């Protein structure tokens, strides 16, 4: 079963609660935190996560693209994060280990994230205690980037390490997920997909009124709307991806990351 984690990075922040409700049937809600230092972009912080927690009981998959993340683990945990992903490139290995230790003390699930420049083997010192590994298939910092196909090898390598050392760990992929790339990353070993289009187009749960109105106008003219076509393409890709995961799971039962 493929898990979907819509990213609020593509949400309308004037109507953030509405957009979160539109994807409330998703498995996770992906929250991208950027500090303007580790990555060039600047997004949200602890107060926004607190506000999100007040308006939803969804599982908050909080991706910290920040330098020296150990400084903020407790604050984001108290704000309502269910899982925290920290980048291995963001600090010295001893402080990455300390950040994971604080996560355990705070009762949140532990995850590390890999930029495209980072080898799969970098997760090994931490893998046995992790709940999730996040592989980036774009450079972190901005949405809407093109998928880096070279990262399929990294996904395969991370999957092999997970199977060997911690089969209960999940493998999520973030960046450039589309009808074309979703089946590829799942075939390579991913179980979770983070993408902004699920929020932007409302592909999980309810649908935005503007999209519905566009569809009504398109149907009146005897054709399907662009939003409908995008939705159908993504959902078909997810169905294909789920089928690929089922085949992989049947061939290798240890690949299941159910909790």
Protein backbone atom coordinates (compact mmCIF):
# COMPACT_ATOMS: atom_id res chain seq x y z
CA UNK A 1 0.00 0.00 0.00
CA UNK A 2 1.46 3.32 -1.08
CA UNK A 3 1.19 6.14 1.44
CA UNK A 4 0.39 9.63 0.20
CA UNK A 5 1.80 12.69 1.96
CA UNK A 6 0.44 15.90 0.38
CA UNK A 7 2.77 18.84 0.92
CA UNK A 8 1.35 22.12 2.18
CA UNK A 9 4.10 23.89 0.23
CA UNK A 10 1.61 24.14 -2.65
CA UNK A 11 -1.32 25.21 -0.48
CA UNK A 12 -3.02 28.59 -0.50
CA UNK A 13 -1.82 29.89 2.86
CA UNK A 14 -4.69 32.39 3.02
CA UNK A 15 -6.93 29.31 3.09
CA UNK A 16 -4.58 26.78 4.69
CA UNK A 17 -7.21 25.10 6.86
CA UNK A 18 -9.48 24.65 3.84
CA UNK A 19 -6.69 23.09 1.79
CA UNK A 20 -5.74 20.75 4.62
CA UNK A 21 -9.35 19.59 4.87
CA UNK A 22 -9.35 18.90 1.13
CA UNK A 23 -6.62 16.27 1.63
CA UNK A 24 -7.79 14.97 5.02
CA UNK A 25 -8.14 11.41 3.67
CA UNK A 26 -4.40 11.22 2.96
CA UNK A 27 -2.08 9.06 5.06
CA UNK A 28 0.19 11.93 6.14
CA UNK A 29 0.38 15.70 5.81
CA UNK A 30 3.82 16.81 4.66
CA UNK A 31 4.97 20.06 6.26
CA UNK A 32 8.07 21.67 4.71
CA UNK A 33 10.05 23.85 7.10
CA UNK A 34 12.84 25.92 5.49
CA UNK A 35 15.14 28.33 7.29
CA UNK A 36 16.69 30.37 4.48
CA UNK A 37 20.12 29.04 5.47
CA UNK A 38 20.27 25.29 4.86
CA UNK A 39 18.13 26.00 1.78
CA UNK A 40 17.68 29.39 0.08
CA UNK A 41 13.93 29.53 0.62
CA UNK A 42 12.14 30.55 3.84
CA UNK A 43 8.77 29.04 4.71
CA UNK A 44 7.18 28.38 8.08
CA UNK A 45 8.11 27.72 11.69
CA UNK A 46 6.79 26.42 14.99
CA UNK A 47 3.72 28.74 15.25
CA UNK A 48 2.32 27.54 11.92
CA UNK A 49 2.79 23.89 12.90
CA UNK A 50 0.94 24.64 16.13
CA UNK A 51 -1.91 26.16 14.12
CA UNK A 52 -2.02 23.18 11.76
CA UNK A 53 -2.21 20.83 14.73
CA UNK A 54 -5.22 22.72 16.07
CA UNK A 55 -7.17 22.35 12.83
CA UNK A 56 -6.45 18.68 11.98
CA UNK A 57 -5.75 15.32 13.55
CA UNK A 58 -3.81 14.16 10.49
CA UNK A 59 -0.38 12.59 10.94
CA UNK A 60 2.06 15.51 10.60
CA UNK A 61 5.13 14.51 8.61
CA UNK A 62 7.39 17.51 9.31
CA UNK A 63 10.41 17.89 7.05
CA UNK A 64 13.03 20.14 8.64
CA UNK A 65 15.23 21.74 5.99
CA UNK A 66 17.14 23.72 8.58
CA UNK A 67 20.68 24.03 9.88
CA UNK A 68 21.54 22.47 13.25
CA UNK A 69 18.08 20.94 13.70
CA UNK A 70 18.78 19.66 17.22
CA UNK A 71 18.01 23.20 18.43
CA UNK A 72 14.36 22.93 17.41
CA UNK A 73 13.40 19.26 17.80
CA UNK A 74 11.64 19.74 21.14
CA UNK A 75 9.80 22.85 19.94
CA UNK A 76 8.41 21.16 16.82
CA UNK A 77 7.51 18.04 18.81
CA UNK A 78 5.57 20.14 21.31
CA UNK A 79 3.92 22.01 18.42
CA UNK A 80 2.33 18.75 17.29
CA UNK A 81 4.65 17.01 14.84
CA UNK A 82 4.19 13.23 14.68
CA UNK A 83 7.37 12.61 12.70
CA UNK A 84 10.43 14.79 12.18
CA UNK A 85 12.81 14.40 9.23
CA UNK A 86 16.23 16.04 9.57
CA UNK A 87 18.86 16.33 6.88
CA UNK A 88 22.10 14.45 7.41
CA UNK A 89 23.89 17.32 5.65
CA UNK A 90 22.59 19.89 8.16
CA UNK A 91 24.99 19.21 11.04
CA UNK A 92 27.88 17.13 12.36
CA UNK A 93 27.06 13.41 12.76
CA UNK A 94 27.27 13.60 16.55
CA UNK A 95 24.65 16.33 16.60
CA UNK A 96 22.45 14.42 14.16
CA UNK A 97 22.59 11.54 16.63
CA UNK A 98 21.71 13.94 19.44
CA UNK A 99 18.74 15.25 17.47
CA UNK A 100 17.43 11.71 17.00
CA UNK A 101 17.89 11.08 20.72
CA UNK A 102 15.79 14.15 21.54
CA UNK A 103 13.09 12.92 19.15
CA UNK A 104 12.91 9.69 21.13
CA UNK A 105 12.65 11.60 24.39
CA UNK A 106 9.84 13.72 22.93
CA UNK A 107 7.92 10.71 21.64
CA UNK A 108 7.98 11.61 17.93
CA UNK A 109 8.91 9.28 15.10
CA UNK A 110 12.47 9.60 13.81
CA UNK A 111 13.50 10.21 10.21
CA UNK A 112 16.50 11.38 8.26
CA UNK A 113 16.48 12.97 4.81
CA UNK A 114 19.03 12.76 2.00
CA UNK A 115 19.81 15.44 -0.56
CA UNK A 116 20.73 14.19 -4.03
CA UNK A 117 24.43 14.76 -3.27
CA UNK A 118 24.37 12.32 -0.32
CA UNK A 119 25.11 8.61 -0.69
CA UNK A 120 22.69 6.01 0.63
CA UNK A 121 25.33 4.63 3.02
CA UNK A 122 25.14 7.85 5.04
CA UNK A 123 22.04 6.49 6.80
CA UNK A 124 23.87 3.46 8.24
CA UNK A 125 24.96 4.95 11.61
CA UNK A 126 21.31 5.76 12.39
CA UNK A 127 19.24 3.27 10.42
CA UNK A 128 18.40 0.78 13.15
CA UNK A 129 16.58 3.44 15.19
CA UNK A 130 14.77 5.17 12.32
CA UNK A 131 11.07 5.06 11.51
CA UNK A 132 11.48 6.58 8.05
CA UNK A 133 14.09 7.59 5.48
CA UNK A 134 13.23 10.44 3.12
CA UNK A 135 15.04 10.50 -0.23
CA UNK A 136 14.93 13.79 -2.11
CA UNK A 137 14.58 13.52 -5.87
CA UNK A 138 15.07 17.27 -6.30
CA UNK A 139 17.33 19.72 -4.52
CA UNK A 140 15.52 20.81 -1.35
CA UNK A 141 14.29 24.36 -1.14
CA UNK A 142 11.65 24.94 -3.80
CA UNK A 143 8.60 23.14 -5.16
CA UNK A 144 7.95 22.45 -8.82
CA UNK A 145 11.43 21.19 -9.73
CA UNK A 146 12.10 18.51 -12.31
CA UNK A 147 12.52 14.94 -11.05
CA UNK A 148 16.15 13.73 -10.89
CA UNK A 149 16.05 10.26 -12.44
CA UNK A 150 19.57 9.52 -11.16
CA UNK A 151 18.06 9.32 -7.68
CA UNK A 152 16.31 6.06 -8.56
CA UNK A 153 19.60 4.31 -7.83
CA UNK A 154 19.74 5.97 -4.41
CA UNK A 155 16.19 4.80 -3.69
CA UNK A 156 17.14 1.23 -4.61
CA UNK A 157 20.24 1.38 -2.43
CA UNK A 158 18.33 2.79 0.54
CA UNK A 159 15.68 0.08 0.10
CA UNK A 160 18.37 -2.62 0.20
CA UNK A 161 19.87 -1.17 3.38
CA UNK A 162 16.45 -0.94 5.02
CA UNK A 163 15.68 -4.58 4.18
CA UNK A 164 18.98 -5.65 5.69
CA UNK A 165 19.10 -3.58 8.86
CA UNK A 166 15.60 -2.32 9.72
CA UNK A 167 12.71 -3.73 7.67
CA UNK A 168 10.18 -1.80 9.79
CA UNK A 169 11.54 1.51 8.49
CA UNK A 170 9.51 3.31 5.83
CA UNK A 171 10.99 4.82 2.66
CA UNK A 172 9.45 8.06 1.42
CA UNK A 173 10.37 10.03 -1.70
CA UNK A 174 9.92 13.77 -2.13
CA UNK A 175 10.34 15.82 -5.28
CA UNK A 176 9.00 15.86 -8.82
CA UNK A 177 6.32 13.23 -8.20
CA UNK A 178 4.07 13.00 -11.26
CA UNK A 179 2.10 10.40 -13.25
CA UNK A 180 5.37 9.52 -15.01
CA UNK A 181 7.64 9.36 -11.96
CA UNK A 182 5.36 7.87 -9.28
CA UNK A 183 5.52 4.30 -10.66
CA UNK A 184 9.29 4.61 -11.12
CA UNK A 185 10.01 5.51 -7.50
CA UNK A 186 7.68 2.82 -6.18
CA UNK A 187 9.29 0.20 -8.40
CA UNK A 188 12.65 1.34 -7.01
CA UNK A 189 11.44 0.71 -3.47
CA UNK A 190 9.51 3.72 -2.18
CA UNK A 191 6.38 3.26 -0.05
CA UNK A 192 5.53 6.89 0.57
CA UNK A 193 5.13 9.77 -1.89
CA UNK A 194 5.27 13.42 -0.87
CA UNK A 195 3.94 15.87 -3.45
CA UNK A 196 2.41 19.33 -3.58
CA UNK A 197 -0.01 18.61 -6.44
CA UNK A 198 -2.30 16.67 -4.12
CA UNK A 199 -2.92 19.88 -2.20
CA UNK A 200 -2.90 22.22 -5.20
CA UNK A 201 -5.41 20.14 -7.14
CA UNK A 202 -7.26 18.64 -4.18
CA UNK A 203 -6.61 15.07 -5.34
CA UNK A 204 -7.26 13.53 -1.96
CA UNK A 205 -10.56 13.99 -0.18
CA UNK A 206 -12.85 16.84 -1.23
CA UNK A 207 -12.38 19.07 -4.23
CA UNK A 208 -12.06 22.85 -4.39
CA UNK A 209 -15.12 24.69 -5.67
CA UNK A 210 -13.11 26.38 -8.41
CA UNK A 211 -12.00 23.02 -9.76
CA UNK A 212 -15.57 21.70 -9.67
CA UNK A 213 -16.81 24.78 -11.51
CA UNK A 214 -14.11 24.35 -14.16
CA UNK A 215 -15.25 20.75 -14.64
CA UNK A 216 -18.89 21.81 -15.03
CA UNK A 217 -17.96 24.28 -17.75
CA UNK A 218 -15.78 21.67 -19.47
CA UNK A 219 -18.54 19.05 -19.34
CA UNK A 220 -21.01 21.57 -20.82
CA UNK A 221 -18.65 21.97 -23.76
CA UNK A 222 -18.23 18.20 -24.11
CA UNK A 223 -14.66 17.83 -22.83
CA UNK A 224 -12.78 17.21 -19.61
CA UNK A 225 -11.09 20.02 -17.68
CA UNK A 226 -7.34 20.33 -17.23
CA UNK A 227 -7.75 19.76 -13.49
CA UNK A 228 -9.76 16.59 -14.13
CA UNK A 229 -7.14 15.27 -16.57
CA UNK A 230 -4.35 16.01 -14.09
CA UNK A 231 -6.28 14.28 -11.34
CA UNK A 232 -6.99 11.21 -13.43
CA UNK A 233 -3.35 10.94 -14.49
CA UNK A 234 -2.03 11.13 -10.94
CA UNK A 235 -4.59 8.69 -9.57
CA UNK A 236 -3.84 6.21 -12.37
CA UNK A 237 -0.15 6.52 -11.61
CA UNK A 238 -0.83 5.81 -7.96
CA UNK A 239 -2.88 2.75 -8.88
CA UNK A 240 -0.02 1.49 -11.05
CA UNK A 241 2.43 2.26 -8.27
CA UNK A 242 0.34 0.37 -5.73
CA UNK A 243 0.33 -2.62 -8.04
CA UNK A 244 4.10 -2.48 -8.34
CA UNK A 245 4.43 -2.34 -4.57
CA UNK A 246 2.17 -5.36 -4.18
CA UNK A 247 4.30 -7.36 -6.58
CA UNK A 248 7.48 -6.30 -4.78
CA UNK A 249 5.95 -7.19 -1.41
CA UNK A 250 4.92 -10.63 -2.62
CA UNK A 251 8.42 -11.28 -3.89
CA UNK A 252 10.05 -9.98 -0.71
CA UNK A 253 7.71 -10.02 2.32
CA UNK A 254 10.27 -8.19 4.45
CA UNK A 255 9.64 -5.07 2.38
CA UNK A 256 6.39 -4.39 4.24
CA UNK A 257 6.75 -1.42 6.57
CA UNK A 258 3.43 -1.73 8.37
CA UNK A 259 3.42 -0.64 12.00
